[in-house]
Amino acid sequence: MKPANILLKRLKDTYEVKIADFGFARQGMDAAISVVGTPAYQAPEIFGKSNSQDVNKKADVYGYGVVS
């Protein structure tokens, strides 16, 4: 997740938020073997890992924190 993937639509007195660009998710589980994404928004443990089993959900929490 990165700021460019967060879409905001202004309503009367609030915003509607949508998350976009799920290109990697649509590729299926086989694509999880390769490292893709924007390095500035990736968790440090993703770099240098040759097996997708080494990376867990904590990497997603890191990405959320960077955007927040």
PDB file of N, CA and C in Angstrom:
ATOM      1  N   MET A   1       0.840  -1.174   0.000  1.00  0.00           N
ATOM      2  CA  MET A   1       0.000   0.000   0.000  1.00  0.00           C
ATOM      3  C   MET A   1       0.885   1.237   0.000  1.00  0.00           C
ATOM      4  N   LYS A   2       0.469   2.213  -0.777  1.00  0.00           N
ATOM      5  CA  LYS A   2       1.170   3.493  -0.829  1.00  0.00           C
ATOM      6  C   LYS A   2       0.142   4.594  -1.059  1.00  0.00           C
ATOM      7  N   PRO A   3       0.486   5.830  -0.772  1.00  0.00           N
ATOM      8  CA  PRO A   3      -0.490   6.920  -0.886  1.00  0.00           C
ATOM      9  C   PRO A   3      -1.141   7.023  -2.266  1.00  0.00           C
ATOM     10  N   ALA A   4      -0.421   6.709  -3.319  1.00  0.00           N
ATOM     11  CA  ALA A   4      -0.990   6.811  -4.670  1.00  0.00           C
ATOM     12  C   ALA A   4      -2.122   5.811  -4.889  1.00  0.00           C
ATOM     13  N   ASN A   5      -2.240   4.791  -4.042  1.00  0.00           N
ATOM     14  CA  ASN A   5      -3.272   3.779  -4.187  1.00  0.00           C
ATOM     15  C   ASN A   5      -4.497   4.075  -3.325  1.00  0.00           C
ATOM     16  N   ILE A   6      -4.511   5.203  -2.633  1.00  0.00           N
ATOM     17  CA  ILE A   6      -5.647   5.572  -1.797  1.00  0.00           C
ATOM     18  C   ILE A   6      -6.417   6.676  -2.512  1.00  0.00           C
ATOM     19  N   LEU A   7      -7.660   6.372  -2.871  1.00  0.00           N
ATOM     20  CA  LEU A   7      -8.491   7.320  -3.600  1.00  0.00           C
ATOM     21  C   LEU A   7      -9.483   7.974  -2.648  1.00  0.00           C
ATOM     22  N   LEU A   8      -9.605   9.276  -2.726  1.00  0.00           N
ATOM     23  CA  LEU A   8     -10.533  10.025  -1.882  1.00  0.00           C
ATOM     24  C   LEU A   8     -11.583  10.702  -2.752  1.00  0.00           C
ATOM     25  N   LYS A   9     -12.822  10.562  -2.336  1.00  0.00           N
ATOM     26  CA  LYS A   9     -13.919  11.258  -3.010  1.00  0.00           C
ATOM     27  C   LYS A   9     -14.602  12.137  -1.974  1.00  0.00           C
ATOM     28  N   ARG A  10     -14.636  13.415  -2.252  1.00  0.00           N
ATOM     29  CA  ARG A  10     -15.245  14.354  -1.301  1.00  0.00           C
ATOM     30  C   ARG A  10     -16.759  14.254  -1.384  1.00  0.00           C
ATOM     31  N   LEU A  11     -17.377  14.048  -0.232  1.00  0.00           N
ATOM     32  CA  LEU A  11     -18.830  14.081  -0.115  1.00  0.00           C
ATOM     33  C   LEU A  11     -19.196  15.410   0.545  1.00  0.00           C
ATOM     34  N   LYS A  12     -20.390  15.578   0.985  1.00  0.00           N
ATOM     35  CA  LYS A  12     -20.816  16.858   1.559  1.00  0.00           C
ATOM     36  C   LYS A  12     -19.897  17.323   2.685  1.00  0.00           C
ATOM     37  N   ASP A  13     -19.807  16.547   3.739  1.00  0.00           N
ATOM     38  CA  ASP A  13     -18.979  16.961   4.869  1.00  0.00           C
ATOM     39  C   ASP A  13     -18.030  15.860   5.334  1.00  0.00           C
ATOM     40  N   THR A  14     -17.712  14.953   4.433  1.00  0.00           N
ATOM     41  CA  THR A  14     -16.796  13.853   4.750  1.00  0.00           C
ATOM     42  C   THR A  14     -16.136  13.363   3.465  1.00  0.00           C
ATOM     43  N   TYR A  15     -15.372  12.299   3.554  1.00  0.00           N
ATOM     44  CA  TYR A  15     -14.719  11.714   2.392  1.00  0.00           C
ATOM     45  C   TYR A  15     -15.063  10.234   2.293  1.00  0.00           C
ATOM     46  N   GLU A  16     -15.102   9.734   1.086  1.00  0.00           N
ATOM     47  CA  GLU A  16     -15.221   8.307   0.828  1.00  0.00           C
ATOM     48  C   GLU A  16     -13.828   7.834   0.429  1.00  0.00           C
ATOM     49  N   VAL A  17     -13.336   6.795   1.068  1.00  0.00           N
ATOM     50  CA  VAL A  17     -11.981   6.306   0.816  1.00  0.00           C
ATOM     51  C   VAL A  17     -12.056   4.953   0.134  1.00  0.00           C
ATOM     52  N   LYS A  18     -11.261   4.781  -0.924  1.00  0.00           N
ATOM     53  CA  LYS A  18     -11.169   3.499  -1.623  1.00  0.00           C
ATOM     54  C   LYS A  18      -9.704   3.157  -1.841  1.00  0.00           C
ATOM     55  N   ILE A  19      -9.406   1.872  -1.757  1.00  0.00           N
ATOM     56  CA  ILE A  19      -8.055   1.371  -2.008  1.00  0.00           C
ATOM     57  C   ILE A  19      -8.033   0.828  -3.432  1.00  0.00           C
ATOM     58  N   ALA A  20      -7.030   1.199  -4.213  1.00  0.00           N
ATOM     59  CA  ALA A  20      -6.953   0.817  -5.618  1.00  0.00           C
ATOM     60  C   ALA A  20      -5.652   0.063  -5.910  1.00  0.00           C
ATOM     61  N   ASP A  21      -5.541  -0.451  -7.120  1.00  0.00           N
ATOM     62  CA  ASP A  21      -4.343  -1.109  -7.642  1.00  0.00           C
ATOM     63  C   ASP A  21      -4.053  -2.432  -6.944  1.00  0.00           C
ATOM     64  N   PHE A  22      -4.865  -3.425  -7.255  1.00  0.00           N
ATOM     65  CA  PHE A  22      -4.653  -4.770  -6.742  1.00  0.00           C
ATOM     66  C   PHE A  22      -4.044  -5.663  -7.818  1.00  0.00           C
ATOM     67  N   GLY A  23      -3.223  -5.100  -8.676  1.00  0.00           N
ATOM     68  CA  GLY A  23      -2.613  -5.849  -9.770  1.00  0.00           C
ATOM     69  C   GLY A  23      -1.849  -7.071  -9.306  1.00  0.00           C
ATOM     70  N   PHE A  24      -1.074  -6.934  -8.256  1.00  0.00           N
ATOM     71  CA  PHE A  24      -0.296  -8.056  -7.745  1.00  0.00           C
ATOM     72  C   PHE A  24      -1.210  -9.134  -7.176  1.00  0.00           C
ATOM     73  N   ALA A  25      -2.265  -8.749  -6.481  1.00  0.00           N
ATOM     74  CA  ALA A  25      -3.187  -9.710  -5.880  1.00  0.00           C
ATOM     75  C   ALA A  25      -3.893 -10.537  -6.944  1.00  0.00           C
ATOM     76  N   ARG A  26      -4.154  -9.960  -8.098  1.00  0.00           N
ATOM     77  CA  ARG A  26      -4.838 -10.686  -9.166  1.00  0.00           C
ATOM     78  C   ARG A  26      -3.951 -11.716  -9.838  1.00  0.00           C
ATOM     79  N   GLN A  27      -2.646 -11.645  -9.651  1.00  0.00           N
ATOM     80  CA  GLN A  27      -1.736 -12.574 -10.316  1.00  0.00           C
ATOM     81  C   GLN A  27      -1.761 -13.960  -9.687  1.00  0.00           C
ATOM     82  N   GLY A  28      -2.281 -14.102  -8.497  1.00  0.00           N
ATOM     83  CA  GLY A  28      -2.374 -15.401  -7.850  1.00  0.00           C
ATOM     84  C   GLY A  28      -1.193 -15.677  -6.948  1.00  0.00           C
ATOM     85  N   MET A  29      -1.209 -16.819  -6.319  1.00  0.00           N
ATOM     86  CA  MET A  29      -0.198 -17.176  -5.328  1.00  0.00           C
ATOM     87  C   MET A  29       1.185 -17.384  -5.927  1.00  0.00           C
ATOM     88  N   ASP A  30       1.284 -17.805  -7.177  1.00  0.00           N
ATOM     89  CA  ASP A  30       2.594 -18.023  -7.803  1.00  0.00           C
ATOM     90  C   ASP A  30       3.407 -16.740  -7.875  1.00  0.00           C
ATOM     91  N   ALA A  31       2.743 -15.619  -7.979  1.00  0.00           N
ATOM     92  CA  ALA A  31       3.437 -14.334  -8.079  1.00  0.00           C
ATOM     93  C   ALA A  31       4.064 -13.926  -6.752  1.00  0.00           C
ATOM     94  N   ALA A  32       3.639 -14.544  -5.644  1.00  0.00           N
ATOM     95  CA  ALA A  32       4.160 -14.166  -4.331  1.00  0.00           C
ATOM     96  C   ALA A  32       5.617 -14.547  -4.157  1.00  0.00           C
ATOM     97  N   ILE A  33       6.154 -15.347  -5.055  1.00  0.00           N
ATOM     98  CA  ILE A  33       7.553 -15.772  -4.972  1.00  0.00           C
ATOM     99  C   ILE A  33       8.487 -14.621  -5.325  1.00  0.00           C
ATOM    100  N   SER A  34       8.083 -13.759  -6.251  1.00  0.00           N
ATOM    101  CA  SER A  34       8.933 -12.648  -6.650  1.00  0.00           C
ATOM    102  C   SER A  34       8.610 -11.413  -5.809  1.00  0.00           C
ATOM    103  N   VAL A  35       9.600 -10.560  -5.654  1.00  0.00           N
ATOM    104  CA  VAL A  35       9.413  -9.331  -4.885  1.00  0.00           C
ATOM    105  C   VAL A  35       8.921  -8.251  -5.835  1.00  0.00           C
ATOM    106  N   VAL A  36       7.755  -7.716  -5.544  1.00  0.00           N
ATOM    107  CA  VAL A  36       7.181  -6.634  -6.341  1.00  0.00           C
ATOM    108  C   VAL A  36       6.725  -5.542  -5.397  1.00  0.00           C
ATOM    109  N   GLY A  37       6.514  -4.374  -5.920  1.00  0.00           N
ATOM    110  CA  GLY A  37       6.030  -3.272  -5.105  1.00  0.00           C
ATOM    111  C   GLY A  37       6.992  -2.109  -5.112  1.00  0.00           C
ATOM    112  N   THR A  38       6.646  -1.096  -4.352  1.00  0.00           N
ATOM    113  CA  THR A  38       7.452   0.111  -4.242  1.00  0.00           C
ATOM    114  C   THR A  38       8.346  -0.017  -3.010  1.00  0.00           C
ATOM    115  N   PRO A  39       9.658  -0.079  -3.199  1.00  0.00           N
ATOM    116  CA  PRO A  39      10.581  -0.320  -2.076  1.00  0.00           C
ATOM    117  C   PRO A  39      10.402   0.610  -0.882  1.00  0.00           C
ATOM    118  N   ALA A  40      10.075   1.864  -1.116  1.00  0.00           N
ATOM    119  CA  ALA A  40       9.938   2.813  -0.004  1.00  0.00           C
ATOM    120  C   ALA A  40       8.787   2.458   0.934  1.00  0.00           C
ATOM    121  N   TYR A  41       7.855   1.647   0.475  1.00  0.00           N
ATOM    122  CA  TYR A  41       6.689   1.286   1.284  1.00  0.00           C
ATOM    123  C   TYR A  41       6.692  -0.182   1.695  1.00  0.00           C
ATOM    124  N   GLN A  42       7.795  -0.873   1.510  1.00  0.00           N
ATOM    125  CA  GLN A  42       7.884  -2.282   1.865  1.00  0.00           C
ATOM    126  C   GLN A  42       8.604  -2.462   3.193  1.00  0.00           C
ATOM    127  N   ALA A  43       8.174  -3.479   3.927  1.00  0.00           N
ATOM    128  CA  ALA A  43       8.806  -3.795   5.206  1.00  0.00           C
ATOM    129  C   ALA A  43      10.236  -4.267   4.971  1.00  0.00           C
ATOM    130  N   PRO A  44      11.157  -3.940   5.864  1.00  0.00           N
ATOM    131  CA  PRO A  44      12.565  -4.323   5.689  1.00  0.00           C
ATOM    132  C   PRO A  44      12.781  -5.823   5.545  1.00  0.00           C
ATOM    133  N   GLU A  45      11.953  -6.640   6.195  1.00  0.00           N
ATOM    134  CA  GLU A  45      12.165  -8.090   6.118  1.00  0.00           C
ATOM    135  C   GLU A  45      11.867  -8.684   4.747  1.00  0.00           C
ATOM    136  N   ILE A  46      11.234  -7.919   3.864  1.00  0.00           N
ATOM    137  CA  ILE A  46      10.954  -8.420   2.516  1.00  0.00           C
ATOM    138  C   ILE A  46      12.230  -8.500   1.683  1.00  0.00           C
ATOM    139  N   PHE A  47      13.138  -7.587   1.915  1.00  0.00           N
ATOM    140  CA  PHE A  47      14.362  -7.547   1.115  1.00  0.00           C
ATOM    141  C   PHE A  47      15.289  -8.698   1.489  1.00  0.00           C
ATOM    142  N   GLY A  48      15.800  -9.390   0.505  1.00  0.00           N
ATOM    143  CA  GLY A  48      16.738 -10.477   0.733  1.00  0.00           C
ATOM    144  C   GLY A  48      16.083 -11.805   1.034  1.00  0.00           C
ATOM    145  N   LYS A  49      14.763 -11.876   1.008  1.00  0.00           N
ATOM    146  CA  LYS A  49      14.068 -13.131   1.264  1.00  0.00           C
ATOM    147  C   LYS A  49      13.821 -13.845  -0.059  1.00  0.00           C
ATOM    148  N   SER A  50      14.235 -15.094  -0.142  1.00  0.00           N
ATOM    149  CA  SER A  50      14.037 -15.853  -1.374  1.00  0.00           C
ATOM    150  C   SER A  50      12.769 -16.690  -1.313  1.00  0.00           C
ATOM    151  N   ASN A  51      12.151 -16.802  -0.141  1.00  0.00           N
ATOM    152  CA  ASN A  51      10.980 -17.635   0.014  1.00  0.00           C
ATOM    153  C   ASN A  51       9.845 -16.793   0.594  1.00  0.00           C
ATOM    154  N   SER A  52       8.695 -16.810  -0.051  1.00  0.00           N
ATOM    155  CA  SER A  52       7.572 -16.009   0.428  1.00  0.00           C
ATOM    156  C   SER A  52       7.079 -16.488   1.793  1.00  0.00           C
ATOM    157  N   GLN A  53       7.431 -17.698   2.203  1.00  0.00           N
ATOM    158  CA  GLN A  53       7.036 -18.212   3.516  1.00  0.00           C
ATOM    159  C   GLN A  53       7.726 -17.447   4.640  1.00  0.00           C
ATOM    160  N   ASP A  54       8.842 -16.783   4.342  1.00  0.00           N
ATOM    161  CA  ASP A  54       9.592 -16.040   5.352  1.00  0.00           C
ATOM    162  C   ASP A  54       8.932 -14.724   5.736  1.00  0.00           C
ATOM    163  N   VAL A  55       7.998 -14.241   4.923  1.00  0.00           N
ATOM    164  CA  VAL A  55       7.343 -12.961   5.153  1.00  0.00           C
ATOM    165  C   VAL A  55       5.909 -13.240   5.601  1.00  0.00           C
ATOM    166  N   ASN A  56       5.458 -12.549   6.650  1.00  0.00           N
ATOM    167  CA  ASN A  56       4.117 -12.802   7.154  1.00  0.00           C
ATOM    168  C   ASN A  56       3.271 -11.529   7.147  1.00  0.00           C
ATOM    169  N   LYS A  57       2.135 -11.568   7.818  1.00  0.00           N
ATOM    170  CA  LYS A  57       1.194 -10.443   7.824  1.00  0.00           C
ATOM    171  C   LYS A  57       1.762  -9.188   8.463  1.00  0.00           C
ATOM    172  N   LYS A  58       2.815  -9.313   9.243  1.00  0.00           N
ATOM    173  CA  LYS A  58       3.412  -8.135   9.870  1.00  0.00           C
ATOM    174  C   LYS A  58       3.926  -7.159   8.815  1.00  0.00           C
ATOM    175  N   ALA A  59       4.320  -7.667   7.648  1.00  0.00           N
ATOM    176  CA  ALA A  59       4.773  -6.789   6.558  1.00  0.00           C
ATOM    177  C   ALA A  59       3.634  -5.895   6.081  1.00  0.00           C
ATOM    178  N   ASP A  60       2.403  -6.401   6.082  1.00  0.00           N
ATOM    179  CA  ASP A  60       1.253  -5.583   5.700  1.00  0.00           C
ATOM    180  C   ASP A  60       0.991  -4.493   6.733  1.00  0.00           C
ATOM    181  N   VAL A  61       1.158  -4.819   7.995  1.00  0.00           N
ATOM    182  CA  VAL A  61       0.962  -3.835   9.061  1.00  0.00           C
ATOM    183  C   VAL A  61       2.007  -2.733   8.929  1.00  0.00           C
ATOM    184  N   TYR A  62       3.228  -3.085   8.580  1.00  0.00           N
ATOM    185  CA  TYR A  62       4.284  -2.091   8.371  1.00  0.00           C
ATOM    186  C   TYR A  62       3.874  -1.134   7.249  1.00  0.00           C
ATOM    187  N   GLY A  63       3.407  -1.677   6.128  1.00  0.00           N
ATOM    188  CA  GLY A  63       2.985  -0.834   5.008  1.00  0.00           C
ATOM    189  C   GLY A  63       1.874   0.119   5.390  1.00  0.00           C
ATOM    190  N   TYR A  64       0.929  -0.351   6.184  1.00  0.00           N
ATOM    191  CA  TYR A  64      -0.152   0.514   6.653  1.00  0.00           C
ATOM    192  C   TYR A  64       0.410   1.638   7.513  1.00  0.00           C
ATOM    193  N   GLY A  65       1.354   1.312   8.377  1.00  0.00           N
ATOM    194  CA  GLY A  65       1.961   2.310   9.254  1.00  0.00           C
ATOM    195  C   GLY A  65       2.725   3.378   8.489  1.00  0.00           C
ATOM    196  N   VAL A  66       3.391   2.991   7.416  1.00  0.00           N
ATOM    197  CA  VAL A  66       4.155   3.945   6.619  1.00  0.00           C
ATOM    198  C   VAL A  66       3.199   4.938   5.941  1.00  0.00           C
ATOM    199  N   VAL A  67       2.073   4.461   5.479  1.00  0.00           N
ATOM    200  CA  VAL A  67       1.105   5.332   4.813  1.00  0.00           C
ATOM    201  C   VAL A  67       0.397   6.239   5.811  1.00  0.00           C
ATOM    202  N   SER A  68       0.152   5.737   7.009  1.00  0.00           N
ATOM    203  CA  SER A  68      -0.585   6.504   8.023  1.00  0.00           C
ATOM    204  C   SER A  68       0.212   7.690   8.383  1.00  0.00           C
TER     205      SER A  68
END
